[in-house]
Amino acid sequence: MDKITVFLTGSSVYVYLFIFFGKLIEVALSSLRSQLIHKGERVLGALVAVFEYAFWLTITASAITGFADDPIKMLVLILAFAAGNVLGSILEEKLALGYCSILCVFMDNSRALLAADQLRSKGYALTIIPSQGMNGADRTTLQITVKRKHVPVIREFIRSHFPETVLSVSATQQIIGGTLAKTIK
């Protein structure tokens, strides 16, 4: 234990690297924990919090110990905090947690029905909604709720086959009941 304490109170490049990468991981875990809890994964979020807090205690203690004599430790801590936020957002984006609702507004009903048939044949559940545009123009809206990881696939399908379609993607907090909950990919 004494060797660890001596290491953490030192001012070598290894201590700076330890602080930087430790803080980077801690902040990335913090971002991930926040997203997990926000998306309803409370138990997994709590498990991530255990590791996050362990990193926080170790890294903060290391940086604060002797920071008046070694301000580089605080600079490294601050830079790692900023980089950790970026890493956390990239990690969360790659994991694509949660669900999204995609609204596809079609100017032409027959094109909307064609898109609906093609999407349903690929296993996506959707709802067809008659809509009204500006000045009373008839529109057809498809509402598709999927796991977030499927959004790029659907967006690319719609953009490449139906480029005139207006798309709106939004996060969905919860899905309760209906055939959607049983069929969602």
Protein backbone atom coordinates (compact mmCIF):
# COMPACT_ATOMS: atom_id res chain seq x y z
CA MET A 1 0.00 0.00 0.00
CA ASP A 2 2.93 2.33 0.75
CA LYS A 3 4.25 1.87 -2.80
CA ILE A 4 0.88 2.93 -4.23
CA THR A 5 0.78 6.01 -1.99
CA VAL A 6 4.33 6.97 -2.94
CA PHE A 7 3.48 6.51 -6.63
CA LEU A 8 0.29 8.60 -6.44
CA THR A 9 2.00 11.46 -4.60
CA GLY A 10 4.83 11.57 -7.14
CA SER A 11 5.25 13.87 -10.10
CA SER A 12 6.46 11.53 -12.81
CA VAL A 13 5.03 11.28 -16.29
CA TYR A 14 3.48 7.95 -15.22
CA VAL A 15 1.48 9.70 -12.51
CA TYR A 16 0.22 12.23 -15.06
CA LEU A 17 -0.73 9.43 -17.44
CA PHE A 18 -2.44 7.58 -14.58
CA ILE A 19 -4.45 10.69 -13.72
CA PHE A 20 -5.30 11.44 -17.34
CA PHE A 21 -6.47 7.97 -18.36
CA GLY A 22 -8.13 7.30 -15.01
CA LYS A 23 -10.13 10.53 -15.24
CA LEU A 24 -10.90 9.86 -18.90
CA ILE A 25 -12.38 6.47 -18.00
CA GLU A 26 -14.21 7.85 -14.96
CA VAL A 27 -15.95 10.61 -16.94
CA ALA A 28 -16.79 8.23 -19.80
CA LEU A 29 -18.35 5.86 -17.24
CA SER A 30 -20.26 8.80 -15.76
CA SER A 31 -21.74 9.63 -19.17
CA LEU A 32 -22.62 5.98 -19.74
CA ARG A 33 -24.21 5.64 -16.29
CA SER A 34 -26.32 8.72 -16.85
CA GLN A 35 -27.58 7.41 -20.19
CA LEU A 36 -28.31 3.96 -18.80
CA ILE A 37 -30.40 5.35 -15.96
CA HIS A 38 -32.15 7.81 -18.29
CA LYS A 39 -33.07 4.94 -20.64
CA GLY A 40 -34.47 2.79 -17.82
CA GLU A 41 -31.48 0.49 -17.25
CA ARG A 42 -31.20 1.32 -13.53
CA VAL A 43 -29.45 -1.83 -12.30
CA LEU A 44 -26.80 -1.70 -15.01
CA GLY A 45 -26.44 2.05 -14.35
CA ALA A 46 -25.86 1.35 -10.66
CA LEU A 47 -23.21 -1.25 -11.50
CA VAL A 48 -21.40 1.23 -13.73
CA ALA A 49 -21.64 3.78 -10.89
CA VAL A 50 -19.61 1.48 -8.62
CA PHE A 51 -16.70 1.48 -11.07
CA GLU A 52 -17.13 5.17 -11.83
CA TYR A 53 -16.92 6.10 -8.16
CA ALA A 54 -13.90 3.84 -7.56
CA PHE A 55 -12.10 5.64 -10.37
CA TRP A 56 -13.23 9.02 -9.06
CA LEU A 57 -11.88 8.38 -5.54
CA THR A 58 -8.54 7.09 -6.76
CA ILE A 59 -7.94 9.70 -9.42
CA THR A 60 -9.18 12.68 -7.40
CA ALA A 61 -7.07 11.67 -4.40
CA SER A 62 -4.04 11.32 -6.65
CA ALA A 63 -4.56 14.70 -8.31
CA ILE A 64 -5.37 16.63 -5.14
CA THR A 65 -2.44 15.20 -3.21
CA GLY A 66 0.30 17.75 -3.62
CA PHE A 67 -1.46 19.76 -6.32
CA ALA A 68 -0.21 23.04 -4.81
CA ASP A 69 3.35 21.88 -5.42
CA ASP A 70 2.48 20.33 -8.81
CA PRO A 71 -0.21 22.29 -10.69
CA ILE A 72 0.34 20.09 -13.75
CA LYS A 73 -1.74 17.43 -11.97
CA MET A 74 -4.75 19.75 -11.96
CA LEU A 75 -4.21 20.69 -15.60
CA VAL A 76 -4.04 17.01 -16.56
CA LEU A 77 -7.22 16.36 -14.52
CA ILE A 78 -9.08 19.20 -16.28
CA LEU A 79 -7.97 18.09 -19.76
CA ALA A 80 -8.94 14.50 -19.01
CA PHE A 81 -12.37 15.65 -17.80
CA ALA A 82 -13.00 17.40 -21.12
CA ALA A 83 -11.71 14.45 -23.16
CA GLY A 84 -13.75 12.04 -21.02
CA ASN A 85 -16.94 13.87 -21.96
CA VAL A 86 -16.12 13.46 -25.64
CA LEU A 87 -15.22 9.79 -25.17
CA GLY A 88 -18.42 9.18 -23.17
CA SER A 89 -20.60 10.67 -25.88
CA ILE A 90 -18.84 8.59 -28.56
CA LEU A 91 -19.24 5.45 -26.45
CA GLU A 92 -22.93 6.13 -25.88
CA GLU A 93 -23.45 6.77 -29.59
CA LYS A 94 -21.73 3.49 -30.49
CA LEU A 95 -23.80 1.53 -27.96
CA ALA A 96 -26.98 3.19 -29.33
CA LEU A 97 -28.97 2.56 -26.17
CA GLY A 98 -32.73 2.92 -26.03
CA TYR A 99 -35.43 3.44 -28.60
CA CYS A 100 -36.33 6.10 -31.15
CA SER A 101 -39.46 7.09 -32.97
CA ILE A 102 -39.08 8.00 -36.60
CA LEU A 103 -41.74 10.09 -38.30
CA CYS A 104 -41.67 9.94 -42.10
CA VAL A 105 -43.93 12.49 -43.75
CA PHE A 106 -44.72 11.57 -47.37
CA MET A 107 -46.13 14.00 -49.90
CA ASP A 108 -47.70 11.11 -51.83
CA ASN A 109 -49.91 8.43 -50.23
CA SER A 110 -48.97 5.68 -52.72
CA ARG A 111 -45.25 6.19 -52.01
CA ALA A 112 -45.97 6.05 -48.26
CA LEU A 113 -47.84 2.75 -48.66
CA LEU A 114 -44.99 1.34 -50.76
CA ALA A 115 -42.47 2.34 -48.09
CA ALA A 116 -44.70 0.87 -45.37
CA ASP A 117 -44.92 -2.47 -47.21
CA GLN A 118 -41.16 -2.59 -47.72
CA LEU A 119 -40.40 -1.71 -44.10
CA ARG A 120 -42.94 -4.24 -42.78
CA SER A 121 -41.40 -6.93 -45.00
CA LYS A 122 -38.11 -6.22 -43.22
CA GLY A 123 -39.81 -6.79 -39.85
CA TYR A 124 -40.38 -3.21 -38.71
CA ALA A 125 -43.66 -2.39 -36.98
CA LEU A 126 -45.15 0.93 -38.01
CA THR A 127 -48.32 2.98 -38.00
CA ILE A 128 -49.73 4.79 -41.02
CA ILE A 129 -51.25 8.15 -40.11
CA PRO A 130 -53.24 10.33 -42.51
CA SER A 131 -51.81 13.83 -42.16
CA GLN A 132 -52.41 17.33 -43.36
CA GLY A 133 -49.64 19.64 -44.51
CA MET A 134 -49.48 23.35 -45.12
CA ASN A 135 -52.58 24.85 -46.76
CA GLY A 136 -54.49 21.61 -46.18
CA ALA A 137 -52.33 19.45 -48.46
CA ASP A 138 -52.87 15.71 -47.97
CA ARG A 139 -49.89 13.90 -46.51
CA THR A 140 -49.24 10.44 -45.10
CA THR A 141 -47.04 9.91 -42.06
CA LEU A 142 -45.35 6.66 -41.07
CA GLN A 143 -44.47 6.32 -37.42
CA ILE A 144 -41.80 3.71 -36.74
CA THR A 145 -40.42 2.95 -33.28
CA VAL A 146 -37.21 0.92 -33.20
CA LYS A 147 -34.12 0.30 -31.15
CA ARG A 148 -31.80 3.22 -31.68
CA LYS A 149 -29.22 1.06 -33.43
CA HIS A 150 -31.70 0.56 -36.31
CA VAL A 151 -32.26 4.28 -36.96
CA PRO A 152 -29.37 4.65 -39.49
CA VAL A 153 -30.67 1.66 -41.48
CA ILE A 154 -34.19 3.07 -41.75
CA ARG A 155 -32.97 6.62 -42.37
CA GLU A 156 -30.74 5.41 -45.21
CA PHE A 157 -33.55 3.30 -46.69
CA ILE A 158 -35.98 6.24 -46.69
CA ARG A 159 -33.42 8.80 -47.93
CA SER A 160 -32.26 6.57 -50.81
CA HIS A 161 -35.69 5.32 -51.99
CA PHE A 162 -37.94 8.25 -51.03
CA PRO A 163 -35.72 11.38 -50.98
CA GLU A 164 -38.68 13.79 -50.91
CA THR A 165 -39.77 12.44 -47.52
CA VAL A 166 -39.40 14.60 -44.41
CA LEU A 167 -37.83 12.65 -41.53
CA SER A 168 -37.95 13.40 -37.83
CA VAL A 169 -36.15 11.20 -35.32
CA SER A 170 -36.72 11.53 -31.58
CA ALA A 171 -35.79 9.54 -28.50
CA THR A 172 -38.54 7.39 -27.02
CA GLN A 173 -38.57 7.09 -23.25
CA GLN A 174 -40.80 4.03 -22.82
CA ILE A 175 -42.79 1.50 -24.84
CA ILE A 176 -45.79 -0.08 -23.16
CA GLY A 177 -48.13 -2.63 -24.70
CA GLY A 178 -49.41 -3.16 -28.24
CA THR A 179 -47.95 -5.28 -30.97
CA LEU A 180 -44.96 -2.95 -31.13
CA ALA A 181 -43.61 -4.11 -27.78
CA LYS A 182 -43.69 -7.72 -29.05
CA THR A 183 -42.25 -7.10 -32.51
CA ILE A 184 -39.65 -4.42 -31.89
CA LYS A 185 -36.20 -5.43 -33.10
